[in-house]
Each structure stands twice: as C-alpha cells, then as structure tokens.
Amino acid sequence: MTTLLIKELIRYRGRKKIVMSRPCVYGVFSGPVGGFMPREHLCVGCLRCTTQYPEFVQIHPNPERYHLGDSYFTPEQVETTGYEARTGRVPVKGAGFRGVFGGEGWDGMWTDMSEIVRPTRDGIHGREFISTVVDIGPKPPFLTFDEQGGVKALHQTILALPIPVLFDLPPASLRSERLLRILSAAAQEVETLFVLPAGIIRKFALFGPPIVPLVATSDLSSFSDFLFEPGMIELNGWNETLFRQVQARFPKSIVCLRLKSASKEELLRNLHAGVRVFHLATDYHGRGPDGRFVLDLIREVHTILVDAGRRDEVTLLGGGGIVAAEHVPKAIICGLDAVALDTPLLVALQAQFLGECTDQERGCFRLPPTLPEDWGLQRVKNLVASWRDQLLEVLGAMGLREVRRLRGEMGRAMFQQDLEREAFSRIEGYDS
C-alpha cells in the first residue's frame, strides 16, 4: 500500500485528495490515512478496488455473516428477506444476477417468460390489473339447474384470499403470545389465514377470521366447545371419525387435511371420503419423510388429481422449503393453489438461526429479546407486499391476468434435469 501511495503521489503531483480517495469513488479510502484505515461503512460492494488493485485490496465476508442462516436458508436469502421486510420493496441491486443458474431444489426449475410469444402485462405499476386472488375450498364438478333454468344455490363454503399465501404454524419453541399476536394481526390485515394448534388458540384466546385450528384426535374434547366457527379447520392426519365429527360440529367450516406425503391410493381414498382441501407439509428444508423435495411431491400429488379427473374440485396448499419470493410462482406452476409460509416470517422478524433448522419441534430459532408488536406487524406486511409485487412481475412477464391460470401450467416451466437429459443423454459418459 505504501508503494502504491508513493507512485500515485508522483503520478498526480501531490494532489492529496485524489491520492487518498483512490481506488474507491465512494470514499472508503478517503480517511486521514487512506487505505491503512478504510471507512468500511461507505463500501457498497461494487468490488472495483479488488479488480483494479488485486495485489493491494481484498474483500472477505464477515465470518459472522455465515451464521445468519443455515445450509438451506442461506445468508444471501436472509439478507434479501430482511431488505424486503424492512422496505416492502422488490430487491434490485443493479449489478445483474451473481448467483448460479441451476442447482438442486427450486434452483433446478426455470420459468418461461418469453415476450416473443405472449405480450407482457404491466401489473406492478398499476397500468394493468392482474388478479392475485385464489379460492380456498371445495368446488363443484358441474353446475345444476332448477326447473326455471336458473343455477341452483351452492351450499359449499369458499374462502377468497387476495394473495396466494397463508401463514403456517411457527416452531413449538417460539409460540409465545407476543409472536402469535403479531402474526395473527398481520394475517388479519393482509386478509389471509394463520394455522395454529387448537390448544394454542384456546391458551391465548386467538379467535377471529384468520385463525385456522390444527386439530388432532386428542384435541376433539376441548375443540368441540370453541367460541367461534373458523372459516377453515385443518386435520393433523387422517381420522375419519374426527373428520365426521368436525363436519357435524362446524358445518360451515372448510375442512382441510394436512399431509406429509400421500400415496395415490391414500389420496383417492380421502377424496372419496369427502376431503376437498389438502395441505402438503414438508420440513423447513422442503423434504418429505422419504427425503424427496417438495417440488417433486407437489407435482406428484397434482398429477394424481389430474389423472383422476378431480383436480378442479380440490384446493391444494403446500409449504416447507419456500424461502424466496420466486418460490411462490414456481410452487403454483407445479400445482399448488396457495403457498404456506413458515421460516420467512421468522426471518422477517430478525429471528436468529441456531444451527440447522429443519423441523418445527427443534428449538433452532431465537427471536430478538424485544419484539414490539407494531414493528413486527409492519415487517410481516412489508414482506408479503414485496412478495406480491414479485409475483405480479412474473405474471406480467408471462402475459397472465390472474394467478389462478398459473396453477399447474407446466408449459411455463423448464427443469434443468430434463433439459440436460434431452441435450446430453446420447453423449457417452453422461450420467443422469
């Protein structure tokens, strides 16, 4: 560094202001002793200094940054989620995409947004209307008419959510009253649903339209005297007796079945029993009990319902492994009607990762010691607003006017494995 300063003092004839500011136009090296004590808070990460003077300047990430996330929810995604929760805006860095263009999980799926074959819709700026409303509940397979030719009244309950996102239950170790009231209030304001165990609802008196009780067989005795009729009730695993009793006790509520995985026989048997809303839940890394990724599980369940000719009658929800805004449209393309969020809500509230966070039962998150309700509420709303804008960007680029048309549109997606197999399968040495 001393040699560089001497050379530049000679080159620029002692003009100290120029010498002490180079090679950073943002003034990182403009302090009293220049590069010997850089002003790190002025760095914007352009890396010009490392390119222009690699023998003198090197930039290394702060080791503490690696602890912001885990192996799945990476520090880069934590940083992006924090920006979205802080500002409510779409994160645009202006330096191009620096990440990988393929990989495992959601990174192995690309969306097709060609403007050549379909016109772009401008929805994010308000010049065109793009609907993000989704319907939750059973849909009739066909309409019936009365003797006068009018459509007979439908007695099935349908919930319309303005965005295809709902809140899944937080980890067991974080179910404090303050956190639950923040998420409940946020769900109320963004007009979505919030899944909570029935016992927690009674303990903290969390009643209202957004609340979706998660009910197991052991909860039936305490659940039957609830003081309100939920819009939707979720069963934690299949039990036909419990299903019939919930239907009898709350005839106007939508009954949803929570599944970790489902074989074709099991899924069709539940359909025959009357279930029309399914929630496919995986762990926080998007893995099912058999280790398969949530993307593959969604496609499998969607295909089973399509082959059975029952897809339009059913609402399919899904969660686990959804940690970025781009994962929402990708999950809907694979076959979901709406996406359940879990860990992004905690990261929006600046929860700290404690090692690998894979499931709800492990105490792998720690929230800030102080969690003001108004601050937490605004950050969750900002996150949802940012993700909605990014969903509108995808829909607009695809030329779609509503998100319901995106469901199961596999023609709008490309998969890295399929493309590589198509391109290289005949080449000797290729291993699929």
Protein backbone atom coordinates (compact mmCIF):
# COMPACT_ATOMS: atom_id res chain seq x y z
CA MET A 1 0.00 0.00 0.00
CA THR A 2 2.87 2.39 0.81
CA THR A 3 4.44 1.72 -2.59
CA LEU A 4 1.10 2.45 -4.29
CA LEU A 5 0.75 5.77 -2.45
CA ILE A 6 4.26 6.90 -3.38
CA LYS A 7 3.66 6.04 -7.04
CA GLU A 8 0.37 7.93 -7.10
CA LEU A 9 1.80 10.96 -5.27
CA ILE A 10 4.36 11.23 -8.06
CA ARG A 11 1.79 10.49 -10.80
CA TYR A 12 -0.77 13.02 -9.56
CA ARG A 13 1.84 15.60 -8.46
CA GLY A 14 0.99 15.53 -4.81
CA ARG A 15 -2.75 16.13 -5.15
CA LYS A 16 -3.63 14.56 -1.82
CA LYS A 17 -7.41 14.49 -2.30
CA ILE A 18 -7.14 12.30 -5.39
CA VAL A 19 -4.47 10.02 -3.98
CA MET A 20 -6.23 9.42 -0.66
CA SER A 21 -9.58 8.58 -2.30
CA ARG A 22 -8.36 6.09 -4.86
CA PRO A 23 -9.26 3.40 -5.83
CA CYS A 24 -12.78 3.93 -4.39
CA VAL A 25 -15.19 6.51 -5.82
CA TYR A 26 -17.37 6.10 -2.72
CA GLY A 27 -14.67 7.34 -0.35
CA VAL A 28 -13.80 4.15 1.51
CA PHE A 29 -10.10 5.10 1.37
CA SER A 30 -10.60 8.85 1.84
CA GLY A 31 -9.81 8.92 5.56
CA PRO A 32 -6.80 10.63 7.15
CA VAL A 33 -4.55 7.61 6.49
CA GLY A 34 -6.28 6.31 3.34
CA GLY A 35 -6.19 2.56 2.83
CA PHE A 36 -4.42 1.96 6.15
CA MET A 37 -7.73 2.57 7.90
CA PRO A 38 -10.62 2.20 5.38
CA ARG A 39 -14.05 3.60 6.11
CA GLU A 40 -15.91 0.30 5.75
CA HIS A 41 -19.38 1.77 6.28
CA LEU A 42 -19.07 3.58 2.92
CA CYS A 43 -18.45 0.36 0.96
CA VAL A 44 -21.29 -0.59 -1.41
CA GLY A 45 -19.79 -3.88 -2.54
CA CYS A 46 -19.00 -2.85 -6.13
CA LEU A 47 -15.61 -4.64 -5.89
CA ARG A 48 -13.94 -2.10 -8.17
CA CYS A 49 -10.96 -1.89 -5.82
CA THR A 50 -10.33 -5.64 -5.94
CA THR A 51 -10.49 -5.56 -9.74
CA GLN A 52 -8.26 -2.50 -10.22
CA TYR A 53 -5.72 -3.29 -7.50
CA PRO A 54 -6.00 -7.01 -6.64
CA GLU A 55 -2.46 -7.09 -5.27
CA PHE A 56 -3.33 -4.49 -2.62
CA VAL A 57 -7.05 -4.83 -1.87
CA GLN A 58 -9.01 -7.94 -0.95
CA ILE A 59 -12.53 -8.09 0.46
CA HIS A 60 -13.61 -11.03 2.62
CA PRO A 61 -17.12 -11.60 4.01
CA ASN A 62 -17.56 -11.13 7.73
CA PRO A 63 -17.39 -14.63 9.31
CA GLU A 64 -20.46 -13.76 11.40
CA ARG A 65 -22.44 -13.47 8.19
CA TYR A 66 -22.26 -17.23 7.68
CA HIS A 67 -24.33 -17.67 10.85
CA LEU A 68 -27.26 -15.64 9.52
CA GLY A 69 -28.86 -18.75 8.02
CA ASP A 70 -28.27 -22.44 7.59
CA SER A 71 -27.39 -24.75 4.69
CA TYR A 72 -30.83 -24.25 3.08
CA PHE A 73 -31.90 -20.73 4.08
CA THR A 74 -28.62 -19.16 3.01
CA PRO A 75 -27.19 -15.87 4.36
CA GLU A 76 -27.86 -14.25 0.96
CA GLN A 77 -31.55 -15.19 1.19
CA VAL A 78 -31.70 -13.98 4.80
CA GLU A 79 -30.25 -10.64 3.70
CA THR A 80 -32.78 -10.37 0.87
CA THR A 81 -35.71 -11.27 3.15
CA GLY A 82 -34.53 -8.67 5.66
CA TYR A 83 -34.49 -6.00 2.95
CA GLU A 84 -37.99 -6.96 1.80
CA ALA A 85 -39.30 -6.88 5.39
CA ARG A 86 -37.64 -3.53 6.07
CA THR A 87 -38.74 -1.71 2.93
CA GLY A 88 -41.63 -3.64 1.36
CA ARG A 89 -39.89 -3.19 -1.98
CA VAL A 90 -38.59 -5.51 -4.69
CA PRO A 91 -34.83 -6.05 -4.14
CA VAL A 92 -32.98 -4.77 -7.20
CA LYS A 93 -29.20 -4.40 -6.88
CA GLY A 94 -28.50 -3.16 -10.38
CA ALA A 95 -25.39 -5.31 -10.78
CA GLY A 96 -27.01 -8.24 -12.54
CA PHE A 97 -27.62 -11.72 -11.19
CA ARG A 98 -24.48 -13.05 -9.46
CA GLY A 99 -25.86 -16.41 -8.39
CA VAL A 100 -25.93 -19.78 -10.05
CA PHE A 101 -28.26 -20.50 -12.97
CA GLY A 102 -29.10 -24.02 -11.86
CA GLY A 103 -28.78 -26.41 -8.98
CA GLU A 104 -30.87 -28.51 -6.65
CA GLY A 105 -34.41 -27.89 -5.46
CA TRP A 106 -36.07 -24.73 -6.72
CA ASP A 107 -32.84 -23.66 -8.45
CA GLY A 108 -33.31 -26.55 -10.88
CA MET A 109 -36.57 -25.02 -12.15
CA TRP A 110 -36.72 -22.04 -14.51
CA THR A 111 -39.79 -20.05 -15.51
CA ASP A 112 -40.51 -19.29 -19.16
CA MET A 113 -41.30 -15.61 -19.62
CA SER A 114 -40.86 -15.05 -23.35
CA GLU A 115 -42.21 -11.74 -24.65
CA ILE A 116 -41.97 -13.03 -28.23
CA VAL A 117 -44.91 -15.42 -27.98
CA ARG A 118 -47.06 -13.55 -25.49
CA PRO A 119 -47.42 -9.84 -24.64
CA THR A 120 -46.17 -8.58 -21.30
CA ARG A 121 -48.72 -7.27 -18.80
CA ASP A 122 -47.72 -4.24 -16.74
CA GLY A 123 -49.36 -5.00 -13.41
CA ILE A 124 -46.80 -3.98 -10.80
CA HIS A 125 -47.03 -0.30 -11.76
CA GLY A 126 -50.81 -0.28 -11.81
CA ARG A 127 -51.29 0.27 -15.52
CA GLU A 128 -52.98 -3.12 -15.93
CA PHE A 129 -54.93 -5.15 -13.40
CA ILE A 130 -53.57 -8.59 -12.57
CA SER A 131 -55.58 -10.59 -10.04
CA THR A 132 -53.76 -12.49 -7.31
CA VAL A 133 -56.99 -13.78 -5.72
CA VAL A 134 -57.26 -17.52 -5.04
CA ASP A 135 -60.23 -19.56 -3.84
CA ILE A 136 -59.84 -21.97 -0.93
CA GLY A 137 -62.47 -24.65 -0.57
CA PRO A 138 -64.35 -27.36 -2.47
CA LYS A 139 -65.51 -26.61 -6.00
CA PRO A 140 -68.47 -28.43 -7.60
CA PRO A 141 -67.56 -30.61 -10.59
CA PHE A 142 -70.51 -29.23 -12.53
CA LEU A 143 -73.45 -26.83 -12.19
CA THR A 144 -77.03 -27.95 -11.61
CA PHE A 145 -80.09 -26.04 -12.76
CA ASP A 146 -83.63 -25.77 -11.43
CA GLU A 147 -86.85 -26.15 -13.43
CA GLN A 148 -86.75 -22.49 -14.45
CA GLY A 149 -83.25 -22.85 -15.88
CA GLY A 150 -81.53 -20.98 -13.07
CA VAL A 151 -78.40 -22.21 -11.31
CA LYS A 152 -79.18 -23.91 -8.02
CA ALA A 153 -77.57 -22.30 -4.98
CA LEU A 154 -74.23 -23.76 -3.99
CA HIS A 155 -74.03 -24.68 -0.29
CA GLN A 156 -70.27 -25.14 -0.21
CA THR A 157 -68.13 -22.57 1.59
CA ILE A 158 -65.40 -20.82 -0.39
CA LEU A 159 -62.76 -18.52 1.10
CA ALA A 160 -61.25 -15.95 -1.27
CA LEU A 161 -57.72 -14.85 -0.37
CA PRO A 162 -56.39 -11.69 -2.06
CA ILE A 163 -52.92 -13.26 -2.29
CA PRO A 164 -52.00 -16.95 -2.69
CA VAL A 165 -50.14 -17.01 0.63
CA LEU A 166 -51.08 -18.15 4.14
CA PHE A 167 -49.13 -18.41 7.39
CA ASP A 168 -48.17 -21.83 8.72
CA LEU A 169 -47.68 -22.62 12.40
CA PRO A 170 -44.37 -21.39 13.93
CA PRO A 171 -41.91 -23.73 15.71
CA ALA A 172 -43.03 -25.08 19.07
CA SER A 173 -40.24 -23.23 20.92
CA LEU A 174 -41.37 -19.82 19.60
CA ARG A 175 -45.10 -19.96 20.26
CA SER A 176 -45.12 -17.00 22.61
CA GLU A 177 -48.18 -14.82 22.95
CA ARG A 178 -46.38 -11.78 21.50
CA LEU A 179 -45.23 -13.56 18.34
CA LEU A 180 -48.60 -15.20 17.79
CA ARG A 181 -50.44 -11.92 18.17
CA ILE A 182 -48.09 -10.26 15.65
CA LEU A 183 -48.67 -12.99 13.07
CA SER A 184 -52.41 -13.10 13.81
CA ALA A 185 -52.72 -9.32 13.36
CA ALA A 186 -50.67 -9.48 10.15
CA ALA A 187 -52.87 -12.27 8.78
CA GLN A 188 -55.93 -10.18 9.66
CA GLU A 189 -54.61 -7.11 7.82
CA VAL A 190 -53.45 -8.91 4.67
CA GLU A 191 -56.68 -10.97 4.71
CA THR A 192 -55.10 -14.40 4.77
CA LEU A 193 -55.14 -17.45 7.06
CA PHE A 194 -52.95 -18.44 10.02
CA VAL A 195 -52.68 -22.11 11.04
CA LEU A 196 -52.31 -22.74 14.79
CA PRO A 197 -52.70 -25.80 17.05
CA ALA A 198 -56.12 -25.87 18.70
CA GLY A 199 -54.58 -25.91 22.18
CA ILE A 200 -52.56 -22.74 21.50
CA ILE A 201 -55.66 -20.96 20.22
CA ARG A 202 -57.51 -21.68 23.45
CA LYS A 203 -54.50 -20.83 25.62
CA PHE A 204 -54.01 -17.33 24.18
CA ALA A 205 -57.64 -16.69 23.10
CA LEU A 206 -56.64 -16.11 19.47
CA PHE A 207 -60.04 -16.02 17.80
CA GLY A 208 -61.04 -14.39 14.54
CA PRO A 209 -61.43 -14.95 10.79
CA PRO A 210 -57.73 -15.59 10.04
CA ILE A 211 -57.32 -18.38 12.59
CA VAL A 212 -57.25 -21.96 11.27
CA PRO A 213 -57.21 -24.53 14.11
CA LEU A 214 -54.93 -27.52 13.57
CA VAL A 215 -56.78 -30.41 15.19
CA ALA A 216 -55.58 -33.86 16.17
CA THR A 217 -57.68 -36.69 17.57
CA SER A 218 -56.57 -35.79 21.12
CA ASP A 219 -57.95 -32.24 20.69
CA LEU A 220 -61.53 -33.25 19.97
CA SER A 221 -62.89 -32.95 23.51
CA SER A 222 -61.51 -29.43 24.02
CA PHE A 223 -62.15 -28.34 20.44
CA SER A 224 -65.87 -29.08 20.36
CA ASP A 225 -66.74 -26.09 22.58
CA PHE A 226 -64.87 -23.43 20.59
CA LEU A 227 -66.39 -19.98 20.93
CA PHE A 228 -66.23 -19.21 17.19
CA GLU A 229 -66.75 -21.04 13.93
CA PRO A 230 -63.49 -20.96 11.94
CA GLY A 231 -63.52 -20.38 8.22
CA MET A 232 -61.26 -23.39 7.84
CA ILE A 233 -60.19 -26.26 10.11
CA GLU A 234 -57.11 -28.37 9.44
CA LEU A 235 -56.86 -32.01 10.49
CA ASN A 236 -53.40 -33.17 11.54
CA GLY A 237 -53.52 -36.52 9.73
CA TRP A 238 -56.43 -38.61 8.55
CA ASN A 239 -59.02 -39.90 11.01
CA GLU A 240 -62.46 -40.48 9.53
CA THR A 241 -64.22 -40.29 12.90
CA LEU A 242 -62.58 -36.93 13.63
CA PHE A 243 -63.41 -35.72 10.10
CA ARG A 244 -67.13 -36.53 10.50
CA GLN A 245 -67.33 -35.02 13.98
CA VAL A 246 -65.70 -31.78 12.85
CA GLN A 247 -68.09 -31.59 9.89
CA ALA A 248 -71.06 -32.11 12.21
CA ARG A 249 -69.87 -29.57 14.79
CA PHE A 250 -68.89 -26.88 12.26
CA PRO A 251 -70.96 -27.46 9.11
CA LYS A 252 -69.99 -24.12 7.52
CA SER A 253 -66.23 -24.55 8.01
CA ILE A 254 -63.92 -25.84 5.29
CA VAL A 255 -62.14 -29.00 6.45
CA CYS A 256 -58.54 -29.33 5.28
CA LEU A 257 -56.36 -32.42 5.64
CA ARG A 258 -52.68 -31.89 6.48
CA LEU A 259 -50.40 -34.46 4.83
CA LYS A 260 -46.65 -35.03 4.95
CA SER A 261 -46.83 -37.36 1.97
CA ALA A 262 -49.58 -39.22 0.19
CA SER A 263 -49.71 -42.33 -1.96
CA LYS A 264 -52.14 -42.45 -4.84
CA GLU A 265 -54.42 -44.90 -3.00
CA GLU A 266 -54.45 -42.81 0.17
CA LEU A 267 -55.16 -39.58 -1.69
CA LEU A 268 -58.04 -41.07 -3.69
CA ARG A 269 -59.45 -42.69 -0.55
CA ASN A 270 -59.50 -39.30 1.20
CA LEU A 271 -61.18 -37.78 -1.85
CA HIS A 272 -63.85 -40.48 -1.78
CA ALA A 273 -64.40 -39.75 1.94
CA GLY A 274 -65.18 -36.12 1.13
CA VAL A 275 -61.92 -34.20 1.65
CA ARG A 276 -61.56 -31.38 -0.88
CA VAL A 277 -58.73 -29.30 0.62
CA PHE A 278 -55.25 -30.74 1.18
CA HIS A 279 -52.21 -29.17 2.83
CA LEU A 280 -48.97 -30.86 1.78
CA ALA A 281 -46.49 -30.01 4.56
CA THR A 282 -42.76 -30.76 4.45
CA ASP A 283 -39.91 -29.78 6.78
CA TYR A 284 -38.19 -26.39 6.70
CA HIS A 285 -35.74 -27.63 4.06
CA GLY A 286 -38.59 -28.80 1.85
CA ARG A 287 -38.04 -32.51 2.42
CA GLY A 288 -40.76 -35.09 2.90
CA PRO A 289 -40.46 -38.18 5.13
CA ASP A 290 -38.84 -40.11 2.27
CA GLY A 291 -36.30 -37.35 1.57
CA ARG A 292 -37.87 -36.13 -1.64
CA PHE A 293 -38.05 -32.39 -2.29
CA VAL A 294 -41.32 -30.50 -2.04
CA LEU A 295 -41.24 -29.60 -5.75
CA ASP A 296 -41.43 -33.28 -6.71
CA LEU A 297 -44.10 -34.01 -4.09
CA ILE A 298 -46.33 -31.19 -5.36
CA ARG A 299 -46.01 -32.36 -8.96
CA GLU A 300 -46.85 -35.93 -7.93
CA VAL A 301 -49.99 -35.00 -5.98
CA HIS A 302 -51.13 -32.60 -8.70
CA THR A 303 -50.67 -35.28 -11.37
CA ILE A 304 -52.61 -37.85 -9.32
CA LEU A 305 -55.56 -35.47 -9.04
CA VAL A 306 -55.40 -34.59 -12.75
CA ASP A 307 -55.31 -38.24 -13.81
CA ALA A 308 -58.29 -38.95 -11.56
CA GLY A 309 -60.23 -36.12 -13.20
CA ARG A 310 -60.72 -34.39 -9.83
CA ARG A 311 -58.17 -31.56 -9.85
CA ASP A 312 -60.66 -28.73 -10.35
CA GLU A 313 -62.72 -29.89 -7.37
CA VAL A 314 -59.77 -29.73 -4.98
CA THR A 315 -57.70 -26.98 -3.35
CA LEU A 316 -54.07 -27.93 -2.86
CA LEU A 317 -51.99 -25.99 -0.33
CA GLY A 318 -48.32 -26.60 0.34
CA GLY A 319 -45.44 -25.41 2.47
CA GLY A 320 -41.90 -26.10 3.60
CA GLY A 321 -38.82 -25.03 1.69
CA ILE A 322 -40.44 -21.79 0.47
CA VAL A 323 -37.78 -19.20 1.39
CA ALA A 324 -37.73 -16.75 -1.54
CA ALA A 325 -40.34 -14.77 -3.45
CA GLU A 326 -39.56 -16.67 -6.65
CA HIS A 327 -40.53 -19.96 -4.97
CA VAL A 328 -44.18 -18.89 -4.75
CA PRO A 329 -44.89 -18.78 -8.52
CA LYS A 330 -42.73 -21.87 -9.03
CA ALA A 331 -44.76 -23.82 -6.45
CA ILE A 332 -48.02 -22.67 -8.08
CA ILE A 333 -46.77 -23.74 -11.52
CA CYS A 334 -46.03 -27.17 -10.04
CA GLY A 335 -49.66 -27.46 -8.92
CA LEU A 336 -50.38 -25.56 -5.70
CA ASP A 337 -53.30 -23.19 -5.34
CA ALA A 338 -51.67 -21.31 -2.45
CA VAL A 339 -48.41 -21.43 -0.51
CA ALA A 340 -47.94 -21.69 3.28
CA LEU A 341 -45.06 -19.62 4.70
CA ASP A 342 -43.09 -20.56 7.81
CA THR A 343 -39.39 -19.61 8.19
CA PRO A 344 -39.54 -16.41 6.03
CA LEU A 345 -41.94 -14.91 8.58
CA LEU A 346 -39.42 -15.57 11.36
CA VAL A 347 -36.52 -14.16 9.33
CA ALA A 348 -38.61 -11.05 8.65
CA LEU A 349 -38.78 -10.61 12.43
CA GLN A 350 -34.97 -10.95 12.65
CA ALA A 351 -35.02 -14.42 14.20
CA GLN A 352 -31.54 -15.88 14.62
CA PHE A 353 -30.68 -19.35 13.35
CA LEU A 354 -29.23 -21.74 15.92
CA GLY A 355 -27.63 -24.33 13.68
CA GLU A 356 -29.55 -26.35 11.12
CA CYS A 357 -33.29 -25.62 11.24
CA THR A 358 -35.22 -28.46 9.68
CA ASP A 359 -38.44 -29.06 11.64
CA GLN A 360 -40.94 -27.43 13.95
CA GLU A 361 -40.07 -29.37 17.07
CA ARG A 362 -36.40 -28.41 17.32
CA GLY A 363 -35.53 -25.16 19.10
CA CYS A 364 -33.47 -23.82 16.22
CA PHE A 365 -34.54 -20.15 16.20
CA ARG A 366 -34.15 -17.32 18.66
CA LEU A 367 -36.21 -14.15 18.34
CA PRO A 368 -34.92 -10.71 19.40
CA PRO A 369 -35.28 -10.11 23.16
CA THR A 370 -37.61 -7.20 22.47
CA LEU A 371 -40.26 -7.63 19.80
CA PRO A 372 -42.55 -4.57 19.52
CA GLU A 373 -45.88 -5.61 18.07
CA ASP A 374 -46.26 -2.62 15.75
CA TRP A 375 -42.71 -3.11 14.42
CA GLY A 376 -43.21 -6.83 13.86
CA LEU A 377 -46.61 -6.31 12.25
CA GLN A 378 -45.20 -3.79 9.76
CA ARG A 379 -42.27 -6.03 8.80
CA VAL A 380 -44.50 -9.03 8.08
CA LYS A 381 -46.83 -6.84 6.00
CA ASN A 382 -43.84 -5.44 4.12
CA LEU A 383 -42.60 -8.95 3.33
CA VAL A 384 -45.98 -10.01 1.96
CA ALA A 385 -46.26 -6.81 -0.10
CA SER A 386 -42.82 -7.33 -1.61
CA TRP A 387 -43.54 -10.95 -2.49
CA ARG A 388 -46.86 -9.97 -4.05
CA ASP A 389 -45.12 -7.39 -6.26
CA GLN A 390 -42.61 -10.01 -7.37
CA LEU A 391 -45.46 -12.41 -8.14
CA LEU A 392 -47.04 -9.68 -10.26
CA GLU A 393 -43.74 -9.29 -12.12
CA VAL A 394 -43.77 -12.99 -13.01
CA LEU A 395 -47.43 -12.97 -14.03
CA GLY A 396 -46.93 -9.84 -16.10
CA ALA A 397 -43.89 -11.27 -17.87
CA MET A 398 -45.89 -14.40 -18.69
CA GLY A 399 -48.83 -12.39 -20.02
CA LEU A 400 -51.26 -13.72 -17.39
CA ARG A 401 -54.05 -11.62 -15.93
CA GLU A 402 -54.72 -13.79 -12.88
CA VAL A 403 -52.72 -16.14 -10.71
CA ARG A 404 -55.33 -18.92 -10.89
CA ARG A 405 -54.32 -19.51 -14.52
CA LEU A 406 -50.76 -20.17 -13.39
CA ARG A 407 -51.68 -23.28 -11.39
CA GLY A 408 -50.26 -26.40 -13.00
CA GLU A 409 -49.09 -24.54 -16.11
CA MET A 410 -46.11 -26.79 -16.68
CA GLY A 411 -45.65 -25.29 -20.13
CA ARG A 412 -44.43 -22.14 -18.36
CA ALA A 413 -41.57 -24.02 -16.68
CA MET A 414 -38.32 -25.66 -17.64
CA PHE A 415 -36.43 -28.17 -15.49
CA GLN A 416 -32.69 -28.41 -15.56
CA GLN A 417 -32.61 -32.20 -15.30
CA ASP A 418 -35.00 -32.61 -18.24
CA LEU A 419 -33.10 -30.16 -20.43
CA GLU A 420 -29.73 -31.73 -19.64
CA ARG A 421 -31.10 -35.21 -20.29
CA GLU A 422 -32.53 -34.08 -23.62
CA ALA A 423 -29.27 -32.41 -24.64
CA PHE A 424 -26.67 -34.87 -23.37
CA SER A 425 -28.33 -38.29 -22.93
CA ARG A 426 -26.81 -39.63 -26.17
CA ILE A 427 -23.32 -38.49 -25.29
CA GLU A 428 -21.08 -41.21 -23.89
CA GLY A 429 -20.30 -40.67 -20.23
CA TYR A 430 -23.44 -38.67 -19.42
CA ASP A 431 -24.90 -39.71 -16.08
CA SER A 432 -28.47 -38.58 -15.44
